[in-house]
Amino acid sequence: MTDQAVTTIATEKVNLLDFDRQGLRDFFAQLGEKPYRAEQVMKWIYHRLEDNFENMTDVGKALRAKLEASCYVGPPKTLFDKGAADGTHKWLLGMDGGNAVEAVYIPEPTRGTLCVSSQVGCGLNCQFCSTATQGFNRNLSTSEVIGQMWVAAKYLGNVTHQNRRITNVVMMGMGEPLLNFDNVVKAMSLMRDDLGFGLASKRVTLSTAGMVPMIDKLSEVIDVSLAVSLHAANDELRTELVPLNKRYPIDELVGACRRWLERKPRTSITFEYTLMKGVNDQPEHARQLIKLMRRLPNCKVNLIPFNPFPGTRFERSGAETIRAFQTQLLNANVLTMLRRTRGDDIDAACGQLKGQVLDRTRRQAEFRKRLEEGASHAA
């Protein structure tokens, strides 16, 4: 059989990682099988992290043969992985046609958090984010999103309900998750499903730059935690840093957040605020943020020291400035946390993720041109 023929057969098979529980039950019904068989297989895939049907010993031989002929369990291929001095671990995961995304695991004494990507590159153009400089290619499929968690769990020896190394997942990797709504929601349902990775709703967090209509839709279809990538509390500055703000300004974003809290009264929203030297770290910026947070009681702010990357015009705020900013918020009774920088020695810190993006925009080329011009001026 030729390589081309083998590829054709493989592409005709269905990747079971693309199905949530109901989708898998429906697929098994098409195979003429009882729904409980789908749930048996789902446990093998997510609880035991098994991708070989032959090893699914409580599944009959006839069904195993049928599965082998019609489907497969296909997580993304690991192109390389790298560990940081602080225990953070990063994977570069290959997609189609030379594209790749990054996923990051951050261990802490009481939890282990996996940062998952939702797009190849990013459809937005936030000015302080390394991913934005790579442009955008496409949305990830459900299997490519949940597959990042499958790969990390397999590597870490994460056994659901026994040795759970991954206790939290944040949709904060490459891409804007709400621009890939359906696939991300299906993947998060697998993270939450008892037959999947079995995480509680508060342990799965989606971070958005402020897709207002999709925030409303998300609150209606799944129970997860919400984080908002804010970075400025006045429209002029936020539009400069997060261009999406021009379409959905702060008042509209606050309105969506208030509706979220009305639908989910026991929850809180985290507002992420990256501190950049001389840009958004002054006392007046803190006062603006305090005023905004008073409109959203019981929510919290996560301060993130800017993580530099080659070619950026931004710098990290000084330690004293960061402490003063946090103190100003705390003195105003705004619950404020300071995120400790993790994995920056392997470019795995917040805002540093860069995969391999076959850019369909002009952003990557324009950024490279600026880098080259900067290098020539320096010379």
Protein backbone atom coordinates (compact mmCIF):
# COMPACT_ATOMS: atom_id res chain seq x y z
CA MET A 1 0.00 0.00 0.00
CA THR A 2 1.35 3.44 -0.90
CA ASP A 3 1.86 6.23 1.63
CA GLN A 4 -0.87 8.20 -0.10
CA ALA A 5 -3.33 5.32 0.29
CA VAL A 6 -2.50 4.99 3.99
CA THR A 7 -3.06 8.74 4.47
CA THR A 8 -6.42 8.54 2.67
CA ILE A 9 -7.62 5.73 4.94
CA ALA A 10 -6.46 7.61 8.05
CA THR A 11 -8.29 10.77 7.06
CA GLU A 12 -11.54 8.81 6.60
CA LYS A 13 -11.45 7.64 10.19
CA VAL A 14 -13.13 9.65 12.94
CA ASN A 15 -11.10 11.09 15.82
CA LEU A 16 -12.94 10.17 19.03
CA LEU A 17 -11.38 13.17 20.81
CA ASP A 18 -13.71 15.36 18.73
CA PHE A 19 -16.79 14.06 20.62
CA ASP A 20 -18.21 15.08 23.95
CA ARG A 21 -20.20 12.41 25.84
CA GLN A 22 -23.43 12.86 23.86
CA GLY A 23 -21.54 13.03 20.59
CA LEU A 24 -19.75 9.77 21.40
CA ARG A 25 -23.04 8.07 22.32
CA ASP A 26 -24.52 9.20 19.00
CA PHE A 27 -21.48 7.90 17.12
CA PHE A 28 -21.71 4.51 18.79
CA ALA A 29 -25.42 4.39 17.93
CA GLN A 30 -24.44 4.85 14.28
CA LEU A 31 -22.14 1.84 14.71
CA GLY A 32 -25.11 -0.15 16.02
CA GLU A 33 -23.76 -0.21 19.58
CA LYS A 34 -25.42 0.51 22.93
CA PRO A 35 -24.71 3.91 24.53
CA TYR A 36 -22.96 2.36 27.54
CA ARG A 37 -20.28 1.06 25.20
CA ALA A 38 -19.42 4.66 24.35
CA GLU A 39 -19.06 5.41 28.05
CA GLN A 40 -16.80 2.38 28.52
CA VAL A 41 -14.51 3.63 25.79
CA MET A 42 -14.65 7.20 27.13
CA LYS A 43 -13.28 5.97 30.48
CA TRP A 44 -10.42 4.25 28.71
CA ILE A 45 -9.59 7.39 26.74
CA TYR A 46 -9.73 9.94 29.57
CA HIS A 47 -9.32 8.01 32.83
CA ARG A 48 -6.61 5.63 31.66
CA LEU A 49 -5.30 7.78 28.79
CA GLU A 50 -5.41 4.82 26.41
CA ASP A 51 -5.29 5.35 22.65
CA ASN A 52 -4.96 1.70 21.56
CA PHE A 53 -8.29 -0.11 21.20
CA GLU A 54 -6.59 -3.48 21.65
CA ASN A 55 -5.74 -2.56 25.23
CA MET A 56 -9.37 -1.80 26.13
CA THR A 57 -9.84 -5.21 27.71
CA ASP A 58 -13.49 -4.95 28.80
CA VAL A 59 -14.55 -4.07 25.24
CA GLY A 60 -15.45 -7.10 23.11
CA LYS A 61 -13.11 -8.15 20.31
CA ALA A 62 -15.75 -7.55 17.64
CA LEU A 63 -16.30 -3.97 18.81
CA ARG A 64 -12.57 -3.36 19.10
CA ALA A 65 -12.17 -4.45 15.48
CA LYS A 66 -15.05 -2.18 14.45
CA LEU A 67 -13.47 0.77 16.26
CA GLU A 68 -10.08 0.09 14.72
CA ALA A 69 -11.65 0.17 11.27
CA SER A 70 -13.72 3.33 11.72
CA CYS A 71 -12.03 5.63 14.22
CA TYR A 72 -8.93 6.47 16.25
CA VAL A 73 -7.82 8.39 19.33
CA GLY A 74 -5.60 11.13 17.89
CA PRO A 75 -4.03 13.70 20.22
CA PRO A 76 -1.66 16.28 18.69
CA LYS A 77 1.90 15.13 18.07
CA THR A 78 4.53 16.45 20.46
CA LEU A 79 7.21 18.22 18.40
CA PHE A 80 9.23 19.00 21.51
CA ASP A 81 8.76 19.57 25.22
CA LYS A 82 10.87 21.51 27.66
CA GLY A 83 11.02 21.97 31.41
CA ALA A 84 11.87 25.15 33.30
CA ALA A 85 13.96 25.49 36.43
CA ASP A 86 10.81 26.15 38.50
CA GLY A 87 9.05 22.96 37.34
CA THR A 88 6.96 24.61 34.63
CA HIS A 89 6.72 22.44 31.50
CA LYS A 90 5.94 23.49 27.93
CA TRP A 91 4.90 21.39 24.93
CA LEU A 92 5.01 22.41 21.27
CA LEU A 93 2.22 20.39 19.64
CA GLY A 94 2.03 19.87 15.90
CA MET A 95 -1.15 20.50 13.96
CA ASP A 96 -1.73 20.26 10.20
CA GLY A 97 0.48 21.72 7.49
CA GLY A 98 3.34 22.91 9.68
CA ASN A 99 1.21 24.74 12.27
CA ALA A 100 1.86 24.19 15.97
CA VAL A 101 0.60 25.54 19.30
CA GLU A 102 1.98 25.62 22.82
CA ALA A 103 0.53 24.30 26.07
CA VAL A 104 2.06 24.96 29.52
CA TYR A 105 1.83 23.13 32.85
CA ILE A 106 2.48 25.14 36.03
CA PRO A 107 2.93 23.12 39.24
CA GLU A 108 2.29 24.67 42.63
CA PRO A 109 2.17 23.16 46.14
CA THR A 110 -1.63 22.86 46.20
CA ARG A 111 -2.51 22.67 42.51
CA GLY A 112 -1.29 21.95 39.00
CA THR A 113 -2.55 24.29 36.27
CA LEU A 114 -2.54 23.58 32.54
CA CYS A 115 -2.69 26.54 30.16
CA VAL A 116 -4.41 25.48 26.92
CA SER A 117 -4.51 27.14 23.48
CA SER A 118 -7.67 27.60 21.38
CA GLN A 119 -6.35 28.93 18.05
CA VAL A 120 -3.28 28.65 15.82
CA GLY A 121 -2.02 32.15 16.51
CA CYS A 122 -4.66 34.67 17.50
CA GLY A 123 -7.39 36.52 15.63
CA LEU A 124 -6.91 39.56 17.86
CA ASN A 125 -3.92 41.89 17.99
CA CYS A 126 -3.27 42.78 21.63
CA GLN A 127 -0.13 44.92 21.56
CA PHE A 128 1.70 43.39 24.52
CA CYS A 129 1.23 39.71 23.59
CA SER A 130 3.88 37.65 21.82
CA THR A 131 1.24 35.37 20.25
CA ALA A 132 -0.28 38.38 18.45
CA THR A 133 2.96 38.98 16.53
CA GLN A 134 2.57 35.60 14.82
CA GLY A 135 -0.75 36.46 13.24
CA PHE A 136 -3.53 33.92 12.79
CA ASN A 137 -4.14 30.74 10.81
CA ARG A 138 -7.27 28.96 12.08
CA ASN A 139 -9.34 27.73 15.01
CA LEU A 140 -8.38 24.47 16.68
CA SER A 141 -10.75 21.51 16.53
CA THR A 142 -12.21 20.01 19.70
CA SER A 143 -9.70 17.16 19.49
CA GLU A 144 -6.82 19.65 19.19
CA VAL A 145 -8.00 21.55 22.28
CA ILE A 146 -8.75 18.58 24.56
CA GLY A 147 -5.79 16.78 23.01
CA GLN A 148 -3.43 19.28 24.66
CA MET A 149 -4.74 18.17 28.04
CA TRP A 150 -4.56 14.50 27.01
CA VAL A 151 -0.89 14.86 26.00
CA ALA A 152 0.03 16.72 29.20
CA ALA A 153 -1.88 14.27 31.42
CA LYS A 154 -0.19 11.30 29.74
CA TYR A 155 3.24 12.86 30.19
CA LEU A 156 2.60 13.82 33.82
CA GLY A 157 1.07 10.49 34.80
CA ASN A 158 -2.24 12.20 35.60
CA VAL A 159 -4.75 9.48 36.51
CA THR A 160 -8.26 10.87 37.00
CA HIS A 161 -9.64 10.44 40.55
CA GLN A 162 -6.33 8.91 41.73
CA ASN A 163 -3.14 10.88 41.02
CA ARG A 164 -4.57 14.09 39.60
CA ARG A 165 -1.53 16.14 38.59
CA ILE A 166 -3.70 18.55 36.57
CA THR A 167 -6.17 20.10 39.00
CA ASN A 168 -6.98 23.27 37.04
CA VAL A 169 -7.24 24.25 33.38
CA VAL A 170 -7.11 27.80 32.05
CA MET A 171 -8.07 28.64 28.48
CA MET A 172 -5.37 31.33 28.41
CA GLY A 173 -2.95 29.97 25.83
CA MET A 174 -2.70 31.03 22.20
CA GLY A 175 -5.88 32.52 20.76
CA GLU A 176 -9.18 34.07 21.86
CA PRO A 177 -11.31 31.13 23.08
CA LEU A 178 -14.68 32.79 22.41
CA LEU A 179 -13.80 33.15 18.72
CA ASN A 180 -13.71 29.34 18.64
CA PHE A 181 -16.84 28.97 20.71
CA ASP A 182 -18.32 25.56 19.80
CA ASN A 183 -15.07 23.61 19.83
CA VAL A 184 -13.86 25.21 23.06
CA VAL A 185 -17.17 24.57 24.82
CA LYS A 186 -17.10 20.89 23.79
CA ALA A 187 -13.52 20.57 25.00
CA MET A 188 -14.37 22.22 28.33
CA SER A 189 -17.33 19.88 28.75
CA LEU A 190 -14.87 16.97 28.43
CA MET A 191 -12.63 18.59 31.03
CA ARG A 192 -15.62 18.77 33.37
CA ASP A 193 -17.35 15.45 32.56
CA ASP A 194 -16.96 12.70 35.18
CA LEU A 195 -16.19 10.33 32.31
CA GLY A 196 -13.68 12.85 31.00
CA PHE A 197 -11.16 14.61 33.24
CA GLY A 198 -13.72 15.28 35.97
CA LEU A 199 -12.77 18.83 37.00
CA ALA A 200 -15.13 21.03 39.02
CA SER A 201 -16.60 24.10 37.31
CA LYS A 202 -14.48 26.51 39.36
CA ARG A 203 -11.34 24.68 38.19
CA VAL A 204 -11.92 25.31 34.47
CA THR A 205 -11.42 28.97 33.54
CA LEU A 206 -11.94 30.69 30.21
CA SER A 207 -10.14 33.98 29.62
CA THR A 208 -11.50 36.43 27.06
CA ALA A 209 -10.38 39.82 25.79
CA GLY A 210 -14.02 40.89 25.91
CA MET A 211 -16.23 39.20 23.28
CA VAL A 212 -19.41 40.60 24.80
CA PRO A 213 -22.09 38.57 22.93
CA MET A 214 -20.13 35.36 23.45
CA ILE A 215 -19.78 36.01 27.20
CA ASP A 216 -23.57 36.06 27.38
CA LYS A 217 -23.83 32.90 25.31
CA LEU A 218 -21.18 31.12 27.38
CA SER A 219 -23.07 31.77 30.61
CA GLU A 220 -26.09 29.99 29.11
CA VAL A 221 -24.42 26.80 27.89
CA ILE A 222 -21.74 25.73 30.38
CA ASP A 223 -20.74 26.24 33.99
CA VAL A 224 -17.09 27.36 34.11
CA SER A 225 -15.15 30.25 35.62
CA LEU A 226 -14.62 33.50 33.72
CA ALA A 227 -11.55 35.71 33.48
CA VAL A 228 -11.43 38.99 31.56
CA SER A 229 -8.20 40.25 30.00
CA LEU A 230 -8.60 43.92 30.94
CA HIS A 231 -5.18 45.70 31.20
CA ALA A 232 -6.64 49.21 31.31
CA ALA A 233 -9.73 50.77 32.89
CA ASN A 234 -10.22 53.65 30.46
CA ASP A 235 -11.36 53.21 26.87
CA GLU A 236 -8.63 55.23 25.18
CA LEU A 237 -5.76 53.25 26.68
CA ARG A 238 -7.54 49.90 26.51
CA THR A 239 -8.31 50.38 22.82
CA GLU A 240 -4.60 51.00 22.23
CA LEU A 241 -3.60 47.85 24.12
CA VAL A 242 -6.59 45.62 23.26
CA PRO A 243 -8.01 46.72 19.89
CA LEU A 244 -11.17 44.64 20.48
CA ASN A 245 -12.16 47.38 22.94
CA LYS A 246 -13.08 49.61 20.01
CA ARG A 247 -15.83 47.14 19.13
CA TYR A 248 -16.86 46.30 22.70
CA PRO A 249 -15.90 49.24 24.97
CA ILE A 250 -15.58 48.96 28.72
CA ASP A 251 -19.19 49.89 29.55
CA GLU A 252 -20.48 47.08 27.31
CA LEU A 253 -17.95 44.68 28.80
CA VAL A 254 -18.97 45.59 32.34
CA GLY A 255 -22.60 45.05 31.35
CA ALA A 256 -21.82 41.54 30.12
CA CYS A 257 -19.93 40.81 33.34
CA ARG A 258 -22.84 42.01 35.46
CA ARG A 259 -25.22 39.75 33.51
CA TRP A 260 -22.80 36.84 34.06
CA LEU A 261 -22.85 37.47 37.82
CA GLU A 262 -26.66 37.71 37.85
CA ARG A 263 -26.91 34.30 36.17
CA LYS A 264 -24.19 32.82 38.39
CA PRO A 265 -24.58 34.60 41.74
CA ARG A 266 -22.17 32.29 43.59
CA THR A 267 -19.30 32.98 41.23
CA SER A 268 -16.70 35.71 40.84
CA ILE A 269 -14.90 37.09 37.80
CA THR A 270 -11.14 37.60 37.65
CA PHE A 271 -9.84 40.66 35.81
CA GLU A 272 -6.32 40.23 34.43
CA TYR A 273 -4.17 43.34 34.38
CA THR A 274 -0.68 43.20 32.87
CA LEU A 275 1.52 45.94 34.33
CA MET A 276 3.72 47.74 31.79
CA LYS A 277 6.25 50.40 32.75
CA GLY A 278 4.90 53.92 32.27
CA VAL A 279 1.89 52.64 30.30
CA ASN A 280 -0.77 51.47 32.75
CA ASP A 281 0.99 51.28 36.13
CA GLN A 282 0.56 54.77 37.56
CA PRO A 283 -1.62 55.80 40.55
CA GLU A 284 -4.20 57.35 38.20
CA HIS A 285 -4.55 53.99 36.43
CA ALA A 286 -5.07 52.27 39.78
CA ARG A 287 -7.78 54.81 40.67
CA GLN A 288 -9.54 54.12 37.36
CA LEU A 289 -9.39 50.39 38.04
CA ILE A 290 -10.76 50.84 41.57
CA LYS A 291 -13.69 52.86 40.19
CA LEU A 292 -14.44 50.10 37.65
CA MET A 293 -14.22 47.32 40.26
CA ARG A 294 -16.77 49.09 42.46
CA ARG A 295 -19.27 48.38 39.68
CA LEU A 296 -18.48 44.67 40.00
CA PRO A 297 -18.49 43.81 43.71
CA ASN A 298 -16.84 40.60 44.93
CA CYS A 299 -14.75 40.28 41.77
CA LYS A 300 -10.97 40.23 41.90
CA VAL A 301 -7.93 41.58 40.07
CA ASN A 302 -4.96 39.47 39.02
CA LEU A 303 -1.90 41.68 38.48
CA ILE A 304 0.59 40.25 35.98
CA PRO A 305 4.10 41.69 35.61
CA PHE A 306 4.73 42.11 31.88
CA ASN A 307 6.81 39.29 30.41
CA PRO A 308 9.10 40.69 27.66
CA PHE A 309 9.72 39.07 24.29
CA PRO A 310 12.02 39.99 21.37
CA GLY A 311 10.90 43.10 19.50
CA THR A 312 8.37 44.39 22.01
CA ARG A 313 8.24 48.09 22.86
CA PHE A 314 6.93 47.43 26.37
CA GLU A 315 8.88 46.91 29.59
CA ARG A 316 8.02 45.31 32.90
CA SER A 317 7.07 47.70 35.70
CA GLY A 318 9.56 47.96 38.55
CA ALA A 319 9.02 45.92 41.71
CA GLU A 320 8.26 49.01 43.81
CA THR A 321 5.74 50.29 41.27
CA ILE A 322 4.00 46.91 41.20
CA ARG A 323 3.81 46.77 45.01
CA ALA A 324 2.47 50.31 45.18
CA PHE A 325 -0.18 49.56 42.55
CA GLN A 326 -1.31 46.45 44.44
CA THR A 327 -1.33 48.29 47.78
CA GLN A 328 -3.49 51.07 46.33
CA LEU A 329 -6.07 48.51 45.20
CA LEU A 330 -5.99 46.57 48.47
CA ASN A 331 -6.43 49.77 50.48
CA ALA A 332 -9.58 50.41 48.44
CA ASN A 333 -10.85 46.91 49.39
CA VAL A 334 -10.31 45.47 45.92
CA LEU A 335 -9.27 41.82 46.23
CA THR A 336 -5.96 41.82 44.37
CA MET A 337 -3.46 39.06 43.70
CA LEU A 338 -0.02 39.31 42.15
CA ARG A 339 0.77 36.53 39.71
CA ARG A 340 4.23 35.14 40.19
CA THR A 341 6.11 34.87 36.89
CA ARG A 342 6.63 31.21 36.02
CA GLY A 343 8.49 29.54 33.16
CA ASP A 344 9.98 32.71 31.69
CA ASP A 345 13.32 30.94 31.18
CA ILE A 346 11.63 28.74 28.54
CA ASP A 347 9.32 31.51 27.21
CA ALA A 348 6.33 29.85 28.88
CA ALA A 349 5.19 32.82 30.98
CA CYS A 350 1.95 34.71 30.43
CA GLY A 351 1.97 36.53 27.07
CA GLN A 352 5.09 34.73 25.80
CA LEU A 353 3.54 31.73 24.01
CA LYS A 354 4.55 31.35 20.37
CA GLY A 355 3.91 28.24 18.35
CA GLN A 356 4.36 27.83 14.60
CA VAL A 357 1.76 29.81 12.70
CA LEU A 358 1.30 29.79 8.94
CA ASP A 359 -0.01 33.33 9.13
CA ARG A 360 -3.04 34.20 7.00
CA THR A 361 -2.75 37.87 7.98
CA ARG A 362 0.13 40.33 7.36
CA ARG A 363 0.91 40.66 11.05
CA GLN A 364 3.81 38.22 11.24
CA ALA A 365 5.60 39.73 8.23
CA GLU A 366 5.08 43.27 9.53
CA PHE A 367 6.51 42.34 12.94
CA ARG A 368 9.57 40.71 11.36
CA LYS A 369 10.10 43.82 9.25
CA ARG A 370 10.06 45.99 12.39
CA LEU A 371 12.58 43.67 14.05
CA GLU A 372 14.88 43.85 11.03
CA GLU A 373 14.59 47.65 10.87
CA GLY A 374 15.33 47.88 14.60
CA ALA A 375 18.41 45.67 14.20
CA SER A 376 19.72 47.75 11.27
CA HIS A 377 19.28 50.99 13.24
CA ALA A 378 21.08 49.48 16.22
CA ALA A 379 23.97 48.47 13.97
